[in-house]
Every structure is written in structure tokens, then in C-alpha cells.
Amino acid sequence: MKSNRKETIKKSASRNIRFIQAAISIVKSTHLNPYSCKFSKKVYTQHQLLILVLFKDFCNQHYREFIEDVGDMEGVLEIRDLSEVPHFTTLQKFFCRIKTLYLRLTFRKTVNLFYTNDDNIPITAIDSSGFTSGYCSHYFSERTGKIRKHFLKTSISVDTDQQVITGFVASNSRVHDTRHAVKLLRQCHKTRKSDCYVMDKGYDSEAIHRLIREDLHANSVIPIRSWNNEIIGGTYRQEMAQQFNDTIYPRRQLVENKFSVLKRKFSGDLKARRFLMQIKEIATKMIVCNIHRFLLFLAIEVFYRTE
């Protein structure tokens, strides 16, 4: 039993080190300055703090709990050149200070890990889900027996071949799927072009078809919503009704699978209360999820090489 436990500890330690090594190479490739301003104390670099924030989400822990555990990880401290562990409020203040632009740039770097410059994605699936944010205090919940929760609607685009998140959009209020789709389609197509986009009936719109076909020069597969045999309007919607691709459309389920993995491994709950901080939290989840997928690919390659 002791030997099995030691092996488990070694595997988890090497898993953590592999994640930090991948995070270091990604963060260094961004344009993030080592220090936030010339008056900084220069005890920790922004690169070190961002890597620790990503590692916290990878471990799926709160700030205080994470700092207590990371102090016992000698390999982690050595690989980041940290002589001492920062206080948990240092990470919190850094996360409040860092601009969302740098997190978006870091996310793009994770997407580029899976492709070369000329690669196109064969099929991209798009769907939406909600991330939960609780606003009430523990005292309020105990006194009233109620839990007040708020949901941030989040849409993502996923490469159905490699299961990579290529774009994401979040909103503070409930909006129609098509409003997210317009922004998300332009975003993910700019990051990595796709030959085909697959969505469910919630995205059925002639404007969405026109955007994909005429502006992005790709194919679209979206089932038609119709009630009581109403007349189907729009050229592309009529084409969907007559020549719907039943072979490609089932690939849309893979984006739901990605949401499931994202929430199970890295939690579907948001700790922040302000909308800007919640957007940052969602961005770090997307970054960590892509790095986790990349490490899985590397592990599979090593496995086949050793056989």
C-alpha cells in the first residue's frame, strides 16, 4: 500500500511540473511586462504570479488553500525560482490588476499549441452553457435556507477533431444564442479559420448562415426551427431544410462534452462577484483547459513511442 501511495504522489508531482513547464513557455511568449510599474517592489514578477494563478485553477482550489499546499511542493518552487511563497492576497490583487487583454492573448497562445500556421479546422462546434456565481453570504444561507445564485451565459467554440477551445464569449445577462454567435464566430475564425461550423436549433437564423457563408467563406450546418408547417424564409435556411447534412451534425455533441469536462475538472462555479473579475475567471478556466488537453496529447505521444 505504501509503494502505491508513493507512486501516486510521484505521478501527481510530475503532472504538476509538466503543467507549470507548459504554462511558463506560454506566458513567456506573451507581451506581459515582468513588473506592473517602475514603483513595483520587484519581489515577484507578473509571469510568476500569472503562472501561480493558472496553477491554482488547474488544482481547482481557493487562494488560501492553494498557497498552503503549494508551499509543500518543492519542485514547483524550484522550477519557478521562488525563494518564498507569496501571500494569497498577493495573487488576488494581481488577478484584479491584470488586464483581460493579456488573458485573451495567453488563451490564443494555448490555441496555437495545437496547429501550424497554415492549418484550418475541419469542423468547429458552437454551443452555450452557464457558469454559476453565488452572491449570498454563508450567514444569509443559514438564516433563510436559500442560496441565491446568478448564471453567466458562456458560449464556446470547439475543434471537434482535437477537442480544443478556440474561442469564448460571456455575458452578464440572458441573451439569445444568435447574439453570442455573431461575436464568437468572428473571434474564433480570426484565431483559427474553420471550414465548417455546426450549431443546434437555437442558432437558426438566416443572418448567421449569411455571416458564415459570405463573410467567413465556410460551410454552416444548423437545423431548422419550424412550427405548424410554416413557410421557411431565407435562401440558406431553405437549403438546410432540403439538404441537411446528417453526417456532420452529430459532431456538435462534442462541444457539450467539452463543457462537461471543463466543469467537472475545473469547476463550473465562479468565486468573483464583479462581472469583470468573472470574465477573467472564465478566461483562466479556458486557458487551463487547453493546457490540460495539450498535456494529454503529449502523454499519448510518449505512450506510443515507448511501446
C-alpha atoms as a PDB file:
ATOM      1  CA  MET A   1       0.000   0.000   0.000  1.00  0.00           C
ATOM      2  CA  LYS A   2       2.822   2.412   0.840  1.00  0.00           C
ATOM      3  CA  SER A   3       4.539   1.831  -2.508  1.00  0.00           C
ATOM      4  CA  ASN A   4       1.288   2.517  -4.388  1.00  0.00           C
ATOM      5  CA  ARG A   5       0.815   5.723  -2.438  1.00  0.00           C
ATOM      6  CA  LYS A   6       4.359   6.871  -3.245  1.00  0.00           C
ATOM      7  CA  GLU A   7       3.782   6.169  -6.944  1.00  0.00           C
ATOM      8  CA  THR A   8       0.562   8.215  -6.851  1.00  0.00           C
ATOM      9  CA  ILE A   9       2.379  11.138  -5.205  1.00  0.00           C
ATOM     10  CA  LYS A  10       5.160  10.976  -7.827  1.00  0.00           C
ATOM     11  CA  LYS A  11       2.634  10.914 -10.680  1.00  0.00           C
ATOM     12  CA  SER A  12       0.747  13.912  -9.286  1.00  0.00           C
ATOM     13  CA  ALA A  13       4.014  15.805  -8.731  1.00  0.00           C
ATOM     14  CA  SER A  14       5.233  15.167 -12.268  1.00  0.00           C
ATOM     15  CA  ARG A  15       1.776  16.130 -13.584  1.00  0.00           C
ATOM     16  CA  ASN A  16       2.005  19.456 -11.759  1.00  0.00           C
ATOM     17  CA  ILE A  17       5.518  20.096 -13.008  1.00  0.00           C
ATOM     18  CA  ARG A  18       4.511  19.352 -16.608  1.00  0.00           C
ATOM     19  CA  PHE A  19       1.656  21.836 -16.322  1.00  0.00           C
ATOM     20  CA  ILE A  20       3.924  24.552 -14.912  1.00  0.00           C
ATOM     21  CA  GLN A  21       6.527  23.976 -17.622  1.00  0.00           C
ATOM     22  CA  ALA A  22       3.861  24.342 -20.308  1.00  0.00           C
ATOM     23  CA  ALA A  23       2.449  27.445 -18.588  1.00  0.00           C
ATOM     24  CA  ILE A  24       5.927  29.017 -18.396  1.00  0.00           C
ATOM     25  CA  SER A  25       6.521  28.652 -22.142  1.00  0.00           C
ATOM     26  CA  ILE A  26       3.075  30.110 -22.923  1.00  0.00           C
ATOM     27  CA  VAL A  27       3.268  33.068 -20.530  1.00  0.00           C
ATOM     28  CA  LYS A  28       6.785  33.968 -21.686  1.00  0.00           C
ATOM     29  CA  SER A  29       5.549  34.188 -25.289  1.00  0.00           C
ATOM     30  CA  THR A  30       3.034  36.906 -24.354  1.00  0.00           C
ATOM     31  CA  HIS A  31       3.872  40.615 -24.131  1.00  0.00           C
ATOM     32  CA  LEU A  32       3.287  40.792 -20.393  1.00  0.00           C
ATOM     33  CA  ASN A  33       5.859  43.032 -18.696  1.00  0.00           C
ATOM     34  CA  PRO A  34       7.883  41.495 -15.857  1.00  0.00           C
ATOM     35  CA  TYR A  35       6.620  44.175 -13.435  1.00  0.00           C
ATOM     36  CA  SER A  36       3.412  46.192 -13.405  1.00  0.00           C
ATOM     37  CA  CYS A  37       5.144  49.574 -12.944  1.00  0.00           C
ATOM     38  CA  LYS A  38       8.516  51.124 -12.106  1.00  0.00           C
ATOM     39  CA  PHE A  39       7.472  51.512  -8.447  1.00  0.00           C
ATOM     40  CA  SER A  40       6.909  47.782  -8.023  1.00  0.00           C
ATOM     41  CA  LYS A  41       8.645  46.073  -5.098  1.00  0.00           C
ATOM     42  CA  LYS A  42      10.049  43.573  -7.630  1.00  0.00           C
ATOM     43  CA  VAL A  43       9.689  40.629  -5.256  1.00  0.00           C
ATOM     44  CA  TYR A  44       7.684  38.572  -7.751  1.00  0.00           C
ATOM     45  CA  THR A  45       7.377  39.001 -11.498  1.00  0.00           C
ATOM     46  CA  GLN A  46       3.996  39.140 -13.204  1.00  0.00           C
ATOM     47  CA  HIS A  47       4.989  35.980 -15.069  1.00  0.00           C
ATOM     48  CA  GLN A  48       5.437  34.097 -11.805  1.00  0.00           C
ATOM     49  CA  LEU A  49       2.139  35.351 -10.397  1.00  0.00           C
ATOM     50  CA  LEU A  50       0.163  34.550 -13.563  1.00  0.00           C
ATOM     51  CA  ILE A  51       1.573  31.024 -13.629  1.00  0.00           C
ATOM     52  CA  LEU A  52       0.574  30.559  -9.986  1.00  0.00           C
ATOM     53  CA  VAL A  53      -2.959  31.802 -10.752  1.00  0.00           C
ATOM     54  CA  LEU A  54      -3.261  29.325 -13.629  1.00  0.00           C
ATOM     55  CA  PHE A  55      -1.844  26.549 -11.457  1.00  0.00           C
ATOM     56  CA  LYS A  56      -4.428  27.392  -8.781  1.00  0.00           C
ATOM     57  CA  ASP A  57      -7.223  26.861 -11.307  1.00  0.00           C
ATOM     58  CA  PHE A  58      -5.545  23.682 -12.505  1.00  0.00           C
ATOM     59  CA  CYS A  59      -5.632  22.383  -8.911  1.00  0.00           C
ATOM     60  CA  ASN A  60      -9.214  23.706  -8.559  1.00  0.00           C
ATOM     61  CA  GLN A  61      -8.543  25.356  -5.192  1.00  0.00           C
ATOM     62  CA  HIS A  62      -9.257  28.635  -3.403  1.00  0.00           C
ATOM     63  CA  TYR A  63      -6.423  31.161  -2.963  1.00  0.00           C
ATOM     64  CA  ARG A  64      -5.786  30.483   0.718  1.00  0.00           C
ATOM     65  CA  GLU A  65      -5.939  26.694   0.356  1.00  0.00           C
ATOM     66  CA  PHE A  66      -3.736  26.780  -2.737  1.00  0.00           C
ATOM     67  CA  ILE A  67      -0.980  28.840  -1.095  1.00  0.00           C
ATOM     68  CA  GLU A  68      -0.914  26.482   1.882  1.00  0.00           C
ATOM     69  CA  ASP A  69      -0.454  23.470  -0.412  1.00  0.00           C
ATOM     70  CA  VAL A  70       1.984  24.995  -2.897  1.00  0.00           C
ATOM     71  CA  GLY A  71       4.409  25.746  -0.066  1.00  0.00           C
ATOM     72  CA  ASP A  72       4.936  21.994   0.338  1.00  0.00           C
ATOM     73  CA  MET A  73       5.685  21.470  -3.375  1.00  0.00           C
ATOM     74  CA  GLU A  74       9.460  21.874  -3.561  1.00  0.00           C
ATOM     75  CA  GLY A  75       9.631  21.055  -7.260  1.00  0.00           C
ATOM     76  CA  VAL A  76       7.106  23.765  -8.071  1.00  0.00           C
ATOM     77  CA  LEU A  77       9.018  26.420  -6.133  1.00  0.00           C
ATOM     78  CA  GLU A  78      12.328  25.422  -7.727  1.00  0.00           C
ATOM     79  CA  ILE A  79      11.037  25.462 -11.289  1.00  0.00           C
ATOM     80  CA  ARG A  80       9.570  28.948 -10.783  1.00  0.00           C
ATOM     81  CA  ASP A  81      12.676  30.289  -8.965  1.00  0.00           C
ATOM     82  CA  LEU A  82      10.611  31.220  -5.929  1.00  0.00           C
ATOM     83  CA  SER A  83      12.526  31.586  -2.676  1.00  0.00           C
ATOM     84  CA  GLU A  84       9.299  32.036  -0.736  1.00  0.00           C
ATOM     85  CA  VAL A  85       5.598  31.532  -1.365  1.00  0.00           C
ATOM     86  CA  PRO A  86       3.613  34.758  -1.903  1.00  0.00           C
ATOM     87  CA  HIS A  87       0.740  35.598   0.407  1.00  0.00           C
ATOM     88  CA  PHE A  88      -2.638  34.625  -1.013  1.00  0.00           C
ATOM     89  CA  THR A  89      -3.712  38.288  -1.141  1.00  0.00           C
ATOM     90  CA  THR A  90      -0.768  38.952  -3.474  1.00  0.00           C
ATOM     91  CA  LEU A  91      -2.322  36.620  -6.031  1.00  0.00           C
ATOM     92  CA  GLN A  92      -5.761  38.140  -5.503  1.00  0.00           C
ATOM     93  CA  LYS A  93      -4.517  41.697  -6.023  1.00  0.00           C
ATOM     94  CA  PHE A  94      -2.508  40.669  -9.071  1.00  0.00           C
ATOM     95  CA  PHE A  95      -5.562  38.988 -10.598  1.00  0.00           C
ATOM     96  CA  CYS A  96      -7.604  42.164 -10.013  1.00  0.00           C
ATOM     97  CA  ARG A  97      -4.834  44.254 -11.582  1.00  0.00           C
ATOM     98  CA  ILE A  98      -4.031  42.256 -14.706  1.00  0.00           C
ATOM     99  CA  LYS A  99      -5.859  43.334 -17.861  1.00  0.00           C
ATOM    100  CA  THR A 100      -8.239  40.953 -19.610  1.00  0.00           C
ATOM    101  CA  LEU A 101      -6.302  41.647 -22.817  1.00  0.00           C
ATOM    102  CA  TYR A 102      -3.303  39.670 -21.526  1.00  0.00           C
ATOM    103  CA  LEU A 103      -5.509  36.727 -20.548  1.00  0.00           C
ATOM    104  CA  ARG A 104      -7.045  36.769 -24.032  1.00  0.00           C
ATOM    105  CA  LEU A 105      -3.555  36.808 -25.544  1.00  0.00           C
ATOM    106  CA  THR A 106      -2.492  33.916 -23.308  1.00  0.00           C
ATOM    107  CA  PHE A 107      -5.591  31.991 -24.418  1.00  0.00           C
ATOM    108  CA  ARG A 108      -4.646  32.490 -28.086  1.00  0.00           C
ATOM    109  CA  LYS A 109      -1.181  31.146 -27.355  1.00  0.00           C
ATOM    110  CA  THR A 110      -2.737  27.951 -25.961  1.00  0.00           C
ATOM    111  CA  VAL A 111      -4.759  27.517 -29.169  1.00  0.00           C
ATOM    112  CA  ASN A 112      -1.609  27.875 -31.286  1.00  0.00           C
ATOM    113  CA  LEU A 113      -0.037  24.912 -29.456  1.00  0.00           C
ATOM    114  CA  PHE A 114      -2.169  22.526 -31.497  1.00  0.00           C
ATOM    115  CA  TYR A 115      -1.708  23.937 -35.008  1.00  0.00           C
ATOM    116  CA  THR A 116       0.832  25.111 -37.520  1.00  0.00           C
ATOM    117  CA  ASN A 117       0.487  28.412 -39.336  1.00  0.00           C
ATOM    118  CA  ASP A 118      -1.476  27.054 -42.328  1.00  0.00           C
ATOM    119  CA  ASP A 119      -3.793  24.623 -40.547  1.00  0.00           C
ATOM    120  CA  ASN A 120      -7.563  25.005 -40.929  1.00  0.00           C
ATOM    121  CA  ILE A 121     -10.046  23.371 -38.566  1.00  0.00           C
ATOM    122  CA  PRO A 122     -12.299  20.950 -40.474  1.00  0.00           C
ATOM    123  CA  ILE A 123     -15.364  21.279 -38.201  1.00  0.00           C
ATOM    124  CA  THR A 124     -15.995  23.730 -35.348  1.00  0.00           C
ATOM    125  CA  ALA A 125     -18.934  23.237 -32.971  1.00  0.00           C
ATOM    126  CA  ILE A 126     -20.522  26.102 -31.037  1.00  0.00           C
ATOM    127  CA  ASP A 127     -22.808  25.945 -28.008  1.00  0.00           C
ATOM    128  CA  SER A 128     -23.569  27.808 -24.779  1.00  0.00           C
ATOM    129  CA  SER A 129     -23.869  26.962 -21.106  1.00  0.00           C
ATOM    130  CA  GLY A 130     -23.886  28.738 -17.744  1.00  0.00           C
ATOM    131  CA  PHE A 131     -21.281  29.277 -15.031  1.00  0.00           C
ATOM    132  CA  THR A 132     -22.734  29.686 -11.540  1.00  0.00           C
ATOM    133  CA  SER A 133     -21.891  32.622  -9.293  1.00  0.00           C
ATOM    134  CA  GLY A 134     -23.288  32.741  -5.744  1.00  0.00           C
ATOM    135  CA  TYR A 135     -23.719  36.176  -4.195  1.00  0.00           C
ATOM    136  CA  CYS A 136     -25.155  35.414  -0.759  1.00  0.00           C
ATOM    137  CA  SER A 137     -23.122  35.003   2.403  1.00  0.00           C
ATOM    138  CA  HIS A 138     -22.976  31.832   4.476  1.00  0.00           C
ATOM    139  CA  TYR A 139     -24.925  33.618   7.233  1.00  0.00           C
ATOM    140  CA  PHE A 140     -27.725  34.522   4.809  1.00  0.00           C
ATOM    141  CA  SER A 141     -27.954  30.920   3.576  1.00  0.00           C
ATOM    142  CA  GLU A 142     -28.092  29.537   7.121  1.00  0.00           C
ATOM    143  CA  ARG A 143     -30.722  32.053   8.237  1.00  0.00           C
ATOM    144  CA  THR A 144     -33.070  31.796   5.255  1.00  0.00           C
ATOM    145  CA  GLY A 145     -32.312  28.307   3.984  1.00  0.00           C
ATOM    146  CA  LYS A 146     -31.939  29.736   0.472  1.00  0.00           C
ATOM    147  CA  ILE A 147     -28.997  30.014  -1.888  1.00  0.00           C
ATOM    148  CA  ARG A 148     -29.089  32.953  -4.274  1.00  0.00           C
ATOM    149  CA  LYS A 149     -27.248  32.137  -7.495  1.00  0.00           C
ATOM    150  CA  HIS A 150     -26.540  34.023 -10.676  1.00  0.00           C
ATOM    151  CA  PHE A 151     -25.609  32.431 -14.005  1.00  0.00           C
ATOM    152  CA  LEU A 152     -23.191  33.850 -16.550  1.00  0.00           C
ATOM    153  CA  LYS A 153     -24.109  32.666 -20.011  1.00  0.00           C
ATOM    154  CA  THR A 154     -20.953  31.498 -21.791  1.00  0.00           C
ATOM    155  CA  SER A 155     -20.592  30.345 -25.390  1.00  0.00           C
ATOM    156  CA  ILE A 156     -17.541  28.467 -26.661  1.00  0.00           C
ATOM    157  CA  SER A 157     -16.281  27.182 -29.992  1.00  0.00           C
ATOM    158  CA  VAL A 158     -14.548  23.795 -30.058  1.00  0.00           C
ATOM    159  CA  ASP A 159     -12.460  21.997 -32.655  1.00  0.00           C
ATOM    160  CA  THR A 160     -14.319  18.693 -32.913  1.00  0.00           C
ATOM    161  CA  ASP A 161     -11.194  16.791 -34.030  1.00  0.00           C
ATOM    162  CA  GLN A 162      -8.767  17.847 -31.293  1.00  0.00           C
ATOM    163  CA  GLN A 163     -11.259  18.995 -28.631  1.00  0.00           C
ATOM    164  CA  VAL A 164      -9.593  22.412 -28.317  1.00  0.00           C
ATOM    165  CA  ILE A 165     -11.474  25.516 -27.222  1.00  0.00           C
ATOM    166  CA  THR A 166     -10.832  28.121 -29.946  1.00  0.00           C
ATOM    167  CA  GLY A 167     -12.984  30.987 -28.645  1.00  0.00           C
ATOM    168  CA  PHE A 168     -15.354  32.071 -25.893  1.00  0.00           C
ATOM    169  CA  VAL A 169     -17.873  34.836 -25.154  1.00  0.00           C
ATOM    170  CA  ALA A 170     -19.643  35.554 -21.845  1.00  0.00           C
ATOM    171  CA  SER A 171     -22.458  37.908 -20.874  1.00  0.00           C
ATOM    172  CA  ASN A 172     -23.844  39.084 -17.546  1.00  0.00           C
ATOM    173  CA  SER A 173     -27.482  38.708 -18.638  1.00  0.00           C
ATOM    174  CA  ARG A 174     -29.520  36.157 -20.514  1.00  0.00           C
ATOM    175  CA  VAL A 175     -29.204  36.881 -24.227  1.00  0.00           C
ATOM    176  CA  HIS A 176     -30.247  34.966 -27.295  1.00  0.00           C
ATOM    177  CA  ASP A 177     -27.775  32.458 -28.701  1.00  0.00           C
ATOM    178  CA  THR A 178     -27.522  34.316 -32.008  1.00  0.00           C
ATOM    179  CA  ARG A 179     -26.207  37.467 -30.289  1.00  0.00           C
ATOM    180  CA  HIS A 180     -23.325  35.471 -28.836  1.00  0.00           C
ATOM    181  CA  ALA A 181     -22.792  33.626 -32.114  1.00  0.00           C
ATOM    182  CA  VAL A 182     -22.023  36.719 -34.196  1.00  0.00           C
ATOM    183  CA  LYS A 183     -19.222  37.847 -31.886  1.00  0.00           C
ATOM    184  CA  LEU A 184     -17.924  34.319 -31.261  1.00  0.00           C
ATOM    185  CA  LEU A 185     -17.828  33.385 -34.960  1.00  0.00           C
ATOM    186  CA  ARG A 186     -15.700  36.398 -35.827  1.00  0.00           C
ATOM    187  CA  GLN A 187     -13.445  35.816 -32.826  1.00  0.00           C
ATOM    188  CA  CYS A 188     -12.728  32.112 -33.339  1.00  0.00           C
ATOM    189  CA  HIS A 189     -12.423  32.486 -37.144  1.00  0.00           C
ATOM    190  CA  LYS A 190      -9.809  35.197 -36.606  1.00  0.00           C
ATOM    191  CA  THR A 191      -7.886  32.960 -34.201  1.00  0.00           C
ATOM    192  CA  ARG A 192      -8.077  29.831 -36.371  1.00  0.00           C
ATOM    193  CA  LYS A 193     -10.121  29.526 -39.586  1.00  0.00           C
ATOM    194  CA  SER A 194     -12.603  26.683 -39.899  1.00  0.00           C
ATOM    195  CA  ASP A 195     -14.132  25.005 -42.950  1.00  0.00           C
ATOM    196  CA  CYS A 196     -17.479  24.267 -41.307  1.00  0.00           C
ATOM    197  CA  TYR A 197     -19.494  25.453 -38.283  1.00  0.00           C
ATOM    198  CA  VAL A 198     -22.050  23.215 -36.554  1.00  0.00           C
ATOM    199  CA  MET A 199     -24.712  24.572 -34.152  1.00  0.00           C
ATOM    200  CA  ASP A 200     -28.052  23.499 -32.719  1.00  0.00           C
ATOM    201  CA  LYS A 201     -31.528  24.894 -33.464  1.00  0.00           C
ATOM    202  CA  GLY A 202     -31.055  27.789 -31.065  1.00  0.00           C
ATOM    203  CA  TYR A 203     -28.723  29.412 -33.617  1.00  0.00           C
ATOM    204  CA  ASP A 204     -31.114  29.015 -36.581  1.00  0.00           C
ATOM    205  CA  SER A 205     -31.015  32.354 -38.357  1.00  0.00           C
ATOM    206  CA  GLU A 206     -30.558  33.481 -41.933  1.00  0.00           C
ATOM    207  CA  ALA A 207     -28.171  36.191 -40.690  1.00  0.00           C
ATOM    208  CA  ILE A 208     -25.935  33.557 -39.042  1.00  0.00           C
ATOM    209  CA  HIS A 209     -25.886  31.482 -42.234  1.00  0.00           C
ATOM    210  CA  ARG A 210     -25.058  34.581 -44.276  1.00  0.00           C
ATOM    211  CA  LEU A 211     -22.243  35.561 -41.924  1.00  0.00           C
ATOM    212  CA  ILE A 212     -20.668  32.099 -42.136  1.00  0.00           C
ATOM    213  CA  ARG A 213     -21.153  31.581 -45.870  1.00  0.00           C
ATOM    214  CA  GLU A 214     -20.485  35.051 -47.266  1.00  0.00           C
ATOM    215  CA  ASP A 215     -18.177  36.750 -44.751  1.00  0.00           C
ATOM    216  CA  LEU A 216     -16.215  33.803 -43.315  1.00  0.00           C
ATOM    217  CA  HIS A 217     -16.363  31.698 -46.515  1.00  0.00           C
ATOM    218  CA  ALA A 218     -17.170  28.490 -44.643  1.00  0.00           C
ATOM    219  CA  ASN A 219     -19.999  25.968 -44.540  1.00  0.00           C
ATOM    220  CA  SER A 220     -22.771  26.011 -41.919  1.00  0.00           C
ATOM    221  CA  VAL A 221     -24.879  23.148 -40.575  1.00  0.00           C
ATOM    222  CA  ILE A 222     -27.779  24.355 -38.400  1.00  0.00           C
ATOM    223  CA  PRO A 223     -31.124  22.516 -38.187  1.00  0.00           C
ATOM    224  CA  ILE A 224     -34.293  24.455 -38.992  1.00  0.00           C
ATOM    225  CA  ARG A 225     -36.808  25.526 -36.359  1.00  0.00           C
ATOM    226  CA  SER A 226     -40.341  25.474 -37.751  1.00  0.00           C
ATOM    227  CA  TRP A 227     -43.813  25.353 -36.204  1.00  0.00           C
ATOM    228  CA  ASN A 228     -47.078  24.142 -37.794  1.00  0.00           C
ATOM    229  CA  ASN A 229     -45.559  23.727 -41.258  1.00  0.00           C
ATOM    230  CA  GLU A 230     -44.808  27.436 -41.574  1.00  0.00           C
ATOM    231  CA  ILE A 231     -43.062  28.768 -44.662  1.00  0.00           C
ATOM    232  CA  ILE A 232     -39.265  28.679 -44.279  1.00  0.00           C
ATOM    233  CA  GLY A 233     -37.737  32.013 -45.166  1.00  0.00           C
ATOM    234  CA  GLY A 234     -34.207  32.698 -46.379  1.00  0.00           C
ATOM    235  CA  THR A 235     -32.103  31.072 -49.085  1.00  0.00           C
ATOM    236  CA  TYR A 236     -29.702  29.277 -46.765  1.00  0.00           C
ATOM    237  CA  ARG A 237     -32.446  28.118 -44.375  1.00  0.00           C
ATOM    238  CA  GLN A 238     -34.336  26.617 -47.306  1.00  0.00           C
ATOM    239  CA  GLU A 239     -31.128  24.863 -48.343  1.00  0.00           C
ATOM    240  CA  MET A 240     -30.820  23.439 -44.810  1.00  0.00           C
ATOM    241  CA  ALA A 241     -34.399  22.156 -44.977  1.00  0.00           C
ATOM    242  CA  GLN A 242     -33.802  20.401 -48.292  1.00  0.00           C
ATOM    243  CA  GLN A 243     -30.180  19.210 -47.945  1.00  0.00           C
ATOM    244  CA  PHE A 244     -29.400  18.839 -44.259  1.00  0.00           C
ATOM    245  CA  ASN A 245     -26.082  17.053 -43.558  1.00  0.00           C
ATOM    246  CA  ASP A 246     -26.857  14.243 -41.087  1.00  0.00           C
ATOM    247  CA  THR A 247     -23.235  13.065 -41.129  1.00  0.00           C
ATOM    248  CA  ILE A 248     -21.624  16.274 -39.873  1.00  0.00           C
ATOM    249  CA  TYR A 249     -24.298  17.450 -37.438  1.00  0.00           C
ATOM    250  CA  PRO A 250     -23.691  14.760 -34.729  1.00  0.00           C
ATOM    251  CA  ARG A 251     -20.214  16.283 -34.218  1.00  0.00           C
ATOM    252  CA  ARG A 252     -21.995  19.128 -32.402  1.00  0.00           C
ATOM    253  CA  GLN A 253     -22.314  16.875 -29.340  1.00  0.00           C
ATOM    254  CA  LEU A 254     -18.573  17.200 -28.774  1.00  0.00           C
ATOM    255  CA  VAL A 255     -18.928  20.807 -27.615  1.00  0.00           C
ATOM    256  CA  GLU A 256     -21.313  19.597 -24.896  1.00  0.00           C
ATOM    257  CA  ASN A 257     -18.708  17.021 -23.939  1.00  0.00           C
ATOM    258  CA  LYS A 258     -16.143  19.833 -23.642  1.00  0.00           C
ATOM    259  CA  PHE A 259     -18.408  21.787 -21.313  1.00  0.00           C
ATOM    260  CA  SER A 260     -18.784  18.666 -19.180  1.00  0.00           C
ATOM    261  CA  VAL A 261     -15.009  18.186 -18.945  1.00  0.00           C
ATOM    262  CA  LEU A 262     -14.458  21.876 -18.201  1.00  0.00           C
ATOM    263  CA  LYS A 263     -16.939  21.943 -15.313  1.00  0.00           C
ATOM    264  CA  ARG A 264     -16.028  18.567 -13.831  1.00  0.00           C
ATOM    265  CA  LYS A 265     -12.280  19.123 -13.775  1.00  0.00           C
ATOM    266  CA  PHE A 266     -12.042  22.874 -13.186  1.00  0.00           C
ATOM    267  CA  SER A 267     -15.439  23.642 -11.592  1.00  0.00           C
ATOM    268  CA  GLY A 268     -18.486  25.400 -13.013  1.00  0.00           C
ATOM    269  CA  ASP A 269     -18.649  27.849 -10.098  1.00  0.00           C
ATOM    270  CA  LEU A 270     -17.225  31.370 -10.167  1.00  0.00           C
ATOM    271  CA  LYS A 271     -15.810  32.857  -6.973  1.00  0.00           C
ATOM    272  CA  ALA A 272     -15.753  36.503  -8.078  1.00  0.00           C
ATOM    273  CA  ARG A 273     -18.703  38.870  -7.691  1.00  0.00           C
ATOM    274  CA  ARG A 274     -17.845  41.655 -10.120  1.00  0.00           C
ATOM    275  CA  PHE A 275     -18.543  40.955 -13.789  1.00  0.00           C
ATOM    276  CA  LEU A 276     -15.035  41.947 -14.952  1.00  0.00           C
ATOM    277  CA  MET A 277     -13.451  39.548 -12.476  1.00  0.00           C
ATOM    278  CA  GLN A 278     -15.862  36.806 -13.516  1.00  0.00           C
ATOM    279  CA  ILE A 279     -14.779  37.262 -17.146  1.00  0.00           C
ATOM    280  CA  LYS A 280     -11.152  36.893 -16.030  1.00  0.00           C
ATOM    281  CA  GLU A 281     -12.061  33.739 -14.112  1.00  0.00           C
ATOM    282  CA  ILE A 282     -13.721  32.232 -17.169  1.00  0.00           C
ATOM    283  CA  ALA A 283     -10.682  33.147 -19.290  1.00  0.00           C
ATOM    284  CA  THR A 284      -8.289  31.350 -16.916  1.00  0.00           C
ATOM    285  CA  LYS A 285     -10.538  28.270 -16.980  1.00  0.00           C
ATOM    286  CA  MET A 286     -10.344  28.207 -20.787  1.00  0.00           C
ATOM    287  CA  ILE A 287      -6.553  28.612 -20.696  1.00  0.00           C
ATOM    288  CA  VAL A 288      -6.103  25.824 -18.149  1.00  0.00           C
ATOM    289  CA  CYS A 289      -8.478  23.519 -20.035  1.00  0.00           C
ATOM    290  CA  ASN A 290      -6.477  23.924 -23.268  1.00  0.00           C
ATOM    291  CA  ILE A 291      -3.158  23.342 -21.484  1.00  0.00           C
ATOM    292  CA  HIS A 292      -4.629  20.226 -19.875  1.00  0.00           C
ATOM    293  CA  ARG A 293      -5.648  18.976 -23.326  1.00  0.00           C
ATOM    294  CA  PHE A 294      -2.162  19.688 -24.686  1.00  0.00           C
ATOM    295  CA  LEU A 295      -0.517  17.714 -21.861  1.00  0.00           C
ATOM    296  CA  LEU A 296      -2.857  14.824 -22.613  1.00  0.00           C
ATOM    297  CA  PHE A 297      -1.699  14.834 -26.244  1.00  0.00           C
ATOM    298  CA  LEU A 298       1.933  14.802 -25.139  1.00  0.00           C
ATOM    299  CA  ALA A 299       1.273  11.889 -22.767  1.00  0.00           C
ATOM    300  CA  ILE A 300      -0.363   9.901 -25.586  1.00  0.00           C
ATOM    301  CA  GLU A 301       2.615  10.557 -27.886  1.00  0.00           C
ATOM    302  CA  VAL A 302       5.064   9.404 -25.203  1.00  0.00           C
ATOM    303  CA  PHE A 303       2.967   6.278 -24.593  1.00  0.00           C
ATOM    304  CA  TYR A 304       3.025   5.242 -28.260  1.00  0.00           C
ATOM    305  CA  ARG A 305       6.760   5.957 -28.537  1.00  0.00           C
ATOM    306  CA  THR A 306       7.588   3.682 -25.604  1.00  0.00           C
ATOM    307  CA  GLU A 307       5.577   0.776 -26.989  1.00  0.00           C
END
